[in-house]
Amino acid sequence: MRSSMSSKGNCWDDAPTESCWDRLKTAGVHGHKFATKEQAKQAVPDWMACYNQRRLHASLGFLSPMPFEQRWYEAQRKKAA
């Protein structure tokens, strides 16, 4: 994952990405003391897995993003059938 700026220089285009980076830094690694560089590297995918698969979001009906998206795709398949 890499932060970027839109070709127009509109910072609002990147608001979701910047929000994700902020959450990673504050909840995932800020204040943690890692014994090795490898532990620090592993903290990022561990946090992302938690954020996407286990963390409940009020705006998604108290589901985590992955189950919410899976339900949405299933509903789209049923509509198409």
C-alpha atoms as a PDB file:
ATOM      1  CA  MET A   1       0.000   0.000   0.000  1.00  0.00           C
ATOM      2  CA  ARG A   2       1.384   3.406  -0.947  1.00  0.00           C
ATOM      3  CA  SER A   3      -0.032   6.875  -0.442  1.00  0.00           C
ATOM      4  CA  SER A   4      -0.419   9.024  -3.516  1.00  0.00           C
ATOM      5  CA  MET A   5      -1.887  12.278  -4.741  1.00  0.00           C
ATOM      6  CA  SER A   6      -4.330  12.468  -7.622  1.00  0.00           C
ATOM      7  CA  SER A   7      -3.170  13.892 -10.936  1.00  0.00           C
ATOM      8  CA  LYS A   8      -5.186  17.040 -10.175  1.00  0.00           C
ATOM      9  CA  GLY A   9      -3.568  17.385  -6.779  1.00  0.00           C
ATOM     10  CA  ASN A  10      -6.919  16.936  -5.048  1.00  0.00           C
ATOM     11  CA  CYS A  11      -6.103  15.636  -1.586  1.00  0.00           C
ATOM     12  CA  TRP A  12      -9.709  14.502  -1.006  1.00  0.00           C
ATOM     13  CA  ASP A  13      -9.233  11.775  -3.620  1.00  0.00           C
ATOM     14  CA  ASP A  14      -6.913  10.010  -1.201  1.00  0.00           C
ATOM     15  CA  ALA A  15      -8.917  10.526   1.997  1.00  0.00           C
ATOM     16  CA  PRO A  16      -9.807   6.802   2.429  1.00  0.00           C
ATOM     17  CA  THR A  17      -6.177   5.757   1.958  1.00  0.00           C
ATOM     18  CA  GLU A  18      -4.899   8.425   4.319  1.00  0.00           C
ATOM     19  CA  SER A  19      -7.505   7.366   6.890  1.00  0.00           C
ATOM     20  CA  CYS A  20      -6.323   3.764   6.632  1.00  0.00           C
ATOM     21  CA  TRP A  21      -2.663   4.799   7.087  1.00  0.00           C
ATOM     22  CA  ASP A  22      -3.645   6.865  10.125  1.00  0.00           C
ATOM     23  CA  ARG A  23      -5.492   3.960  11.720  1.00  0.00           C
ATOM     24  CA  LEU A  24      -2.584   1.626  11.049  1.00  0.00           C
ATOM     25  CA  LYS A  25      -0.148   4.018  12.666  1.00  0.00           C
ATOM     26  CA  THR A  26      -2.264   4.834  15.715  1.00  0.00           C
ATOM     27  CA  ALA A  27      -3.879   1.453  16.418  1.00  0.00           C
ATOM     28  CA  GLY A  28      -1.467  -0.952  14.789  1.00  0.00           C
ATOM     29  CA  VAL A  29       2.061   0.145  15.560  1.00  0.00           C
ATOM     30  CA  HIS A  30       2.180   3.380  17.589  1.00  0.00           C
ATOM     31  CA  GLY A  31       3.709   2.784  20.990  1.00  0.00           C
ATOM     32  CA  HIS A  32       4.598  -0.843  20.272  1.00  0.00           C
ATOM     33  CA  LYS A  33       8.162  -1.925  20.917  1.00  0.00           C
ATOM     34  CA  PHE A  34       9.287  -4.557  18.449  1.00  0.00           C
ATOM     35  CA  ALA A  35      12.232  -6.770  19.263  1.00  0.00           C
ATOM     36  CA  THR A  36      13.114  -7.332  15.614  1.00  0.00           C
ATOM     37  CA  LYS A  37      12.483  -5.761  12.236  1.00  0.00           C
ATOM     38  CA  GLU A  38      10.621  -8.920  11.215  1.00  0.00           C
ATOM     39  CA  GLN A  39       8.164  -8.490  14.103  1.00  0.00           C
ATOM     40  CA  ALA A  40       7.497  -4.942  12.980  1.00  0.00           C
ATOM     41  CA  LYS A  41       6.957  -6.097   9.388  1.00  0.00           C
ATOM     42  CA  GLN A  42       4.526  -8.793  10.543  1.00  0.00           C
ATOM     43  CA  ALA A  43       2.519  -6.281  12.572  1.00  0.00           C
ATOM     44  CA  VAL A  44       1.210  -4.633   9.378  1.00  0.00           C
ATOM     45  CA  PRO A  45      -0.462  -7.678   7.752  1.00  0.00           C
ATOM     46  CA  ASP A  46      -1.695  -8.812  11.188  1.00  0.00           C
ATOM     47  CA  TRP A  47      -3.357  -5.442  11.721  1.00  0.00           C
ATOM     48  CA  MET A  48      -4.813  -5.429   8.198  1.00  0.00           C
ATOM     49  CA  ALA A  49      -6.311  -8.889   8.720  1.00  0.00           C
ATOM     50  CA  CYS A  50      -7.906  -7.753  11.965  1.00  0.00           C
ATOM     51  CA  TYR A  51      -9.171  -4.518  10.413  1.00  0.00           C
ATOM     52  CA  ASN A  52     -10.700  -6.200   7.373  1.00  0.00           C
ATOM     53  CA  GLN A  53     -11.928  -9.473   8.816  1.00  0.00           C
ATOM     54  CA  ARG A  54     -12.720  -8.958  12.495  1.00  0.00           C
ATOM     55  CA  ARG A  55     -13.181  -5.247  13.299  1.00  0.00           C
ATOM     56  CA  LEU A  56     -16.862  -4.328  13.351  1.00  0.00           C
ATOM     57  CA  HIS A  57     -17.964  -1.137  11.595  1.00  0.00           C
ATOM     58  CA  ALA A  58     -21.118   0.680  12.684  1.00  0.00           C
ATOM     59  CA  SER A  59     -21.580   2.079   9.174  1.00  0.00           C
ATOM     60  CA  LEU A  60     -21.649  -1.479   7.786  1.00  0.00           C
ATOM     61  CA  GLY A  61     -24.354  -2.699  10.138  1.00  0.00           C
ATOM     62  CA  PHE A  62     -21.793  -3.898  12.673  1.00  0.00           C
ATOM     63  CA  LEU A  63     -20.125  -6.257  10.222  1.00  0.00           C
ATOM     64  CA  SER A  64     -16.464  -6.286   9.324  1.00  0.00           C
ATOM     65  CA  PRO A  65     -15.578  -5.237   5.753  1.00  0.00           C
ATOM     66  CA  MET A  66     -14.978  -8.722   4.331  1.00  0.00           C
ATOM     67  CA  PRO A  67     -18.319 -10.289   5.370  1.00  0.00           C
ATOM     68  CA  PHE A  68     -20.089  -7.081   4.321  1.00  0.00           C
ATOM     69  CA  GLU A  69     -18.522  -7.275   0.869  1.00  0.00           C
ATOM     70  CA  GLN A  70     -19.261 -11.003   0.580  1.00  0.00           C
ATOM     71  CA  ARG A  71     -22.937 -10.362   1.365  1.00  0.00           C
ATOM     72  CA  TRP A  72     -23.031  -7.591  -1.205  1.00  0.00           C
ATOM     73  CA  TYR A  73     -21.532  -9.804  -3.940  1.00  0.00           C
ATOM     74  CA  GLU A  74     -23.959 -12.602  -3.077  1.00  0.00           C
ATOM     75  CA  ALA A  75     -26.901 -10.190  -3.355  1.00  0.00           C
ATOM     76  CA  GLN A  76     -25.592  -9.045  -6.760  1.00  0.00           C
ATOM     77  CA  ARG A  77     -25.346 -12.661  -7.952  1.00  0.00           C
ATOM     78  CA  LYS A  78     -28.933 -13.321  -6.859  1.00  0.00           C
ATOM     79  CA  LYS A  79     -30.147 -10.220  -8.709  1.00  0.00           C
ATOM     80  CA  ALA A  80     -28.350 -11.306 -11.867  1.00  0.00           C
ATOM     81  CA  ALA A  81     -29.771 -14.860 -11.751  1.00  0.00           C
END
